[in-house]
Every structure is written in C-alpha cells, then in structure tokens.
Amino acid sequence: VSIMAYRLKSVRYQNSPRKILLQNENGPCPLLACANALLLRGVISLPASCVRSGVASIDDVVNLLGERALKRAADQREAAASATEWKVAGK
C-alpha cells in the first residue's frame, strides 16, 4: 500500500518562517495550493509530528483543511446568530 505524502520546505514569507508542502508529482494540485496559501497566511499550522519528520501525509493535509472549513462554518453561524440577536434586541 502506497501512502501519499508531501515533503515540507522551510520558507520565509513576510519576514516570518513558514512551512509549505511540496508536490511529489507533476501537474497542478489544488489541495496543496489551498493548504500552502493557508500555511503562508498563518491560518493553519501543521502538526508538530509533521514538522519534526519533515513530511505530511495526505490524511494530515485533508484533516487540516477539513478542520479549518468546519471551524470557519461554525464561526460564521455564530456571527450570524449574534447579528440576529443584535437586531432583535433593537440595537
């Protein structure tokens, strides 16, 4: 069984050290593009075990992105509920 994994690379982005994921095959990879954009912005962080080993599995990447999507959706629902409460209270 072959496990897809991505090597990590240390980079500096806006004077901050960051880790990005490297492709292991040619061609565009939207999953890595999304993950790297969020990693560079500091929105998500790789687990310490990935940083120590210098490798992130496809499961690590998908879980990170899934957790971020769920958190963002929850934050948006909470913000919408607060806005509704604010209007109902007449403020």
C-alpha atoms as a PDB file:
ATOM      1  CA  VAL A   1       0.000   0.000   0.000  1.00  0.00           C
ATOM      2  CA  SER A   2       1.381   3.353  -1.051  1.00  0.00           C
ATOM      3  CA  ILE A   3       0.712   6.312   1.234  1.00  0.00           C
ATOM      4  CA  MET A   4       0.761   9.697  -0.457  1.00  0.00           C
ATOM      5  CA  ALA A   5       2.937  12.113   1.466  1.00  0.00           C
ATOM      6  CA  TYR A   6       4.397  15.548   0.876  1.00  0.00           C
ATOM      7  CA  ARG A   7       7.808  16.786   1.937  1.00  0.00           C
ATOM      8  CA  LEU A   8       7.946  20.089   3.804  1.00  0.00           C
ATOM      9  CA  LYS A   9      10.062  23.078   2.889  1.00  0.00           C
ATOM     10  CA  SER A  10      11.004  25.958   5.167  1.00  0.00           C
ATOM     11  CA  VAL A  11      10.456  29.395   3.639  1.00  0.00           C
ATOM     12  CA  ARG A  12      10.273  32.993   4.812  1.00  0.00           C
ATOM     13  CA  TYR A  13       7.062  34.819   3.996  1.00  0.00           C
ATOM     14  CA  GLN A  14       6.567  38.442   5.045  1.00  0.00           C
ATOM     15  CA  ASN A  15       9.550  38.095   7.396  1.00  0.00           C
ATOM     16  CA  SER A  16       8.042  35.053   9.149  1.00  0.00           C
ATOM     17  CA  PRO A  17       9.331  31.493   8.976  1.00  0.00           C
ATOM     18  CA  ARG A  18       6.745  29.166   7.436  1.00  0.00           C
ATOM     19  CA  LYS A  19       6.492  25.575   6.221  1.00  0.00           C
ATOM     20  CA  ILE A  20       4.983  24.717   2.854  1.00  0.00           C
ATOM     21  CA  LEU A  21       4.147  21.414   1.205  1.00  0.00           C
ATOM     22  CA  LEU A  22       5.999  20.256  -1.902  1.00  0.00           C
ATOM     23  CA  GLN A  23       4.391  18.352  -4.762  1.00  0.00           C
ATOM     24  CA  ASN A  24       5.540  14.802  -5.292  1.00  0.00           C
ATOM     25  CA  GLU A  25       4.205  14.553  -8.863  1.00  0.00           C
ATOM     26  CA  ASN A  26       3.929  16.897 -11.824  1.00  0.00           C
ATOM     27  CA  GLY A  27       0.772  18.807 -12.583  1.00  0.00           C
ATOM     28  CA  PRO A  28      -1.437  21.191 -10.640  1.00  0.00           C
ATOM     29  CA  CYS A  29      -2.647  20.143  -7.213  1.00  0.00           C
ATOM     30  CA  PRO A  30      -5.494  22.325  -5.886  1.00  0.00           C
ATOM     31  CA  LEU A  31      -5.311  20.629  -2.470  1.00  0.00           C
ATOM     32  CA  LEU A  32      -1.690  21.698  -1.995  1.00  0.00           C
ATOM     33  CA  ALA A  33      -2.409  25.168  -3.369  1.00  0.00           C
ATOM     34  CA  CYS A  34      -5.149  25.683  -0.760  1.00  0.00           C
ATOM     35  CA  ALA A  35      -3.065  24.257   2.065  1.00  0.00           C
ATOM     36  CA  ASN A  36       0.027  26.304   1.129  1.00  0.00           C
ATOM     37  CA  ALA A  37      -1.977  29.528   0.845  1.00  0.00           C
ATOM     38  CA  LEU A  38      -3.391  28.989   4.347  1.00  0.00           C
ATOM     39  CA  LEU A  39       0.005  27.903   5.731  1.00  0.00           C
ATOM     40  CA  LEU A  40       1.686  31.029   4.339  1.00  0.00           C
ATOM     41  CA  ARG A  41      -1.012  33.273   5.805  1.00  0.00           C
ATOM     42  CA  GLY A  42      -0.660  31.534   9.183  1.00  0.00           C
ATOM     43  CA  VAL A  43      -4.321  30.472   9.134  1.00  0.00           C
ATOM     44  CA  ILE A  44      -3.448  26.793   9.644  1.00  0.00           C
ATOM     45  CA  SER A  45      -0.402  25.083  11.123  1.00  0.00           C
ATOM     46  CA  LEU A  46       1.000  21.646  10.519  1.00  0.00           C
ATOM     47  CA  PRO A  47       1.024  19.197  13.425  1.00  0.00           C
ATOM     48  CA  ALA A  48       4.321  19.098  15.334  1.00  0.00           C
ATOM     49  CA  SER A  49       4.834  15.479  14.279  1.00  0.00           C
ATOM     50  CA  CYS A  50       4.805  16.544  10.611  1.00  0.00           C
ATOM     51  CA  VAL A  51       7.226  19.394  11.249  1.00  0.00           C
ATOM     52  CA  ARG A  52       9.595  17.061  13.135  1.00  0.00           C
ATOM     53  CA  SER A  53       9.528  14.398  10.420  1.00  0.00           C
ATOM     54  CA  GLY A  54       9.555  16.879   7.530  1.00  0.00           C
ATOM     55  CA  VAL A  55       6.649  15.038   5.889  1.00  0.00           C
ATOM     56  CA  ALA A  56       2.859  15.425   5.881  1.00  0.00           C
ATOM     57  CA  SER A  57       0.589  12.623   4.704  1.00  0.00           C
ATOM     58  CA  ILE A  58      -2.435  13.221   2.529  1.00  0.00           C
ATOM     59  CA  ASP A  59      -4.539  12.416   5.617  1.00  0.00           C
ATOM     60  CA  ASP A  60      -2.752  15.146   7.599  1.00  0.00           C
ATOM     61  CA  VAL A  61      -3.448  17.703   4.856  1.00  0.00           C
ATOM     62  CA  VAL A  62      -7.095  16.723   4.335  1.00  0.00           C
ATOM     63  CA  ASN A  63      -7.745  16.714   8.093  1.00  0.00           C
ATOM     64  CA  LEU A  64      -6.155  20.159   8.489  1.00  0.00           C
ATOM     65  CA  LEU A  65      -8.258  21.635   5.688  1.00  0.00           C
ATOM     66  CA  GLY A  66     -11.419  19.889   6.898  1.00  0.00           C
ATOM     67  CA  GLU A  67     -10.962  21.165  10.456  1.00  0.00           C
ATOM     68  CA  ARG A  68     -10.399  24.689   9.149  1.00  0.00           C
ATOM     69  CA  ALA A  69     -13.538  24.542   6.986  1.00  0.00           C
ATOM     70  CA  LEU A  70     -15.636  23.288   9.911  1.00  0.00           C
ATOM     71  CA  LYS A  71     -14.250  25.968  12.238  1.00  0.00           C
ATOM     72  CA  ARG A  72     -14.930  28.703   9.699  1.00  0.00           C
ATOM     73  CA  ALA A  73     -18.501  27.487   9.160  1.00  0.00           C
ATOM     74  CA  ALA A  74     -19.101  27.437  12.930  1.00  0.00           C
ATOM     75  CA  ASP A  75     -17.628  30.939  13.278  1.00  0.00           C
ATOM     76  CA  GLN A  76     -19.903  32.227  10.509  1.00  0.00           C
ATOM     77  CA  ARG A  77     -23.002  30.658  12.109  1.00  0.00           C
ATOM     78  CA  GLU A  78     -22.052  32.218  15.439  1.00  0.00           C
ATOM     79  CA  ALA A  79     -21.555  35.630  13.820  1.00  0.00           C
ATOM     80  CA  ALA A  80     -24.917  35.366  12.043  1.00  0.00           C
ATOM     81  CA  ALA A  81     -26.645  34.419  15.297  1.00  0.00           C
ATOM     82  CA  SER A  82     -25.054  37.364  17.094  1.00  0.00           C
ATOM     83  CA  ALA A  83     -26.154  39.737  14.335  1.00  0.00           C
ATOM     84  CA  THR A  84     -29.712  38.393  14.569  1.00  0.00           C
ATOM     85  CA  GLU A  85     -29.743  38.813  18.356  1.00  0.00           C
ATOM     86  CA  TRP A  86     -28.441  42.373  17.936  1.00  0.00           C
ATOM     87  CA  LYS A  87     -31.313  43.212  15.513  1.00  0.00           C
ATOM     88  CA  VAL A  88     -33.977  41.541  17.676  1.00  0.00           C
ATOM     89  CA  ALA A  89     -32.807  43.490  20.698  1.00  0.00           C
ATOM     90  CA  GLY A  90     -33.347  46.654  18.680  1.00  0.00           C
ATOM     91  CA  LYS A  91     -29.785  47.877  18.872  1.00  0.00           C
END
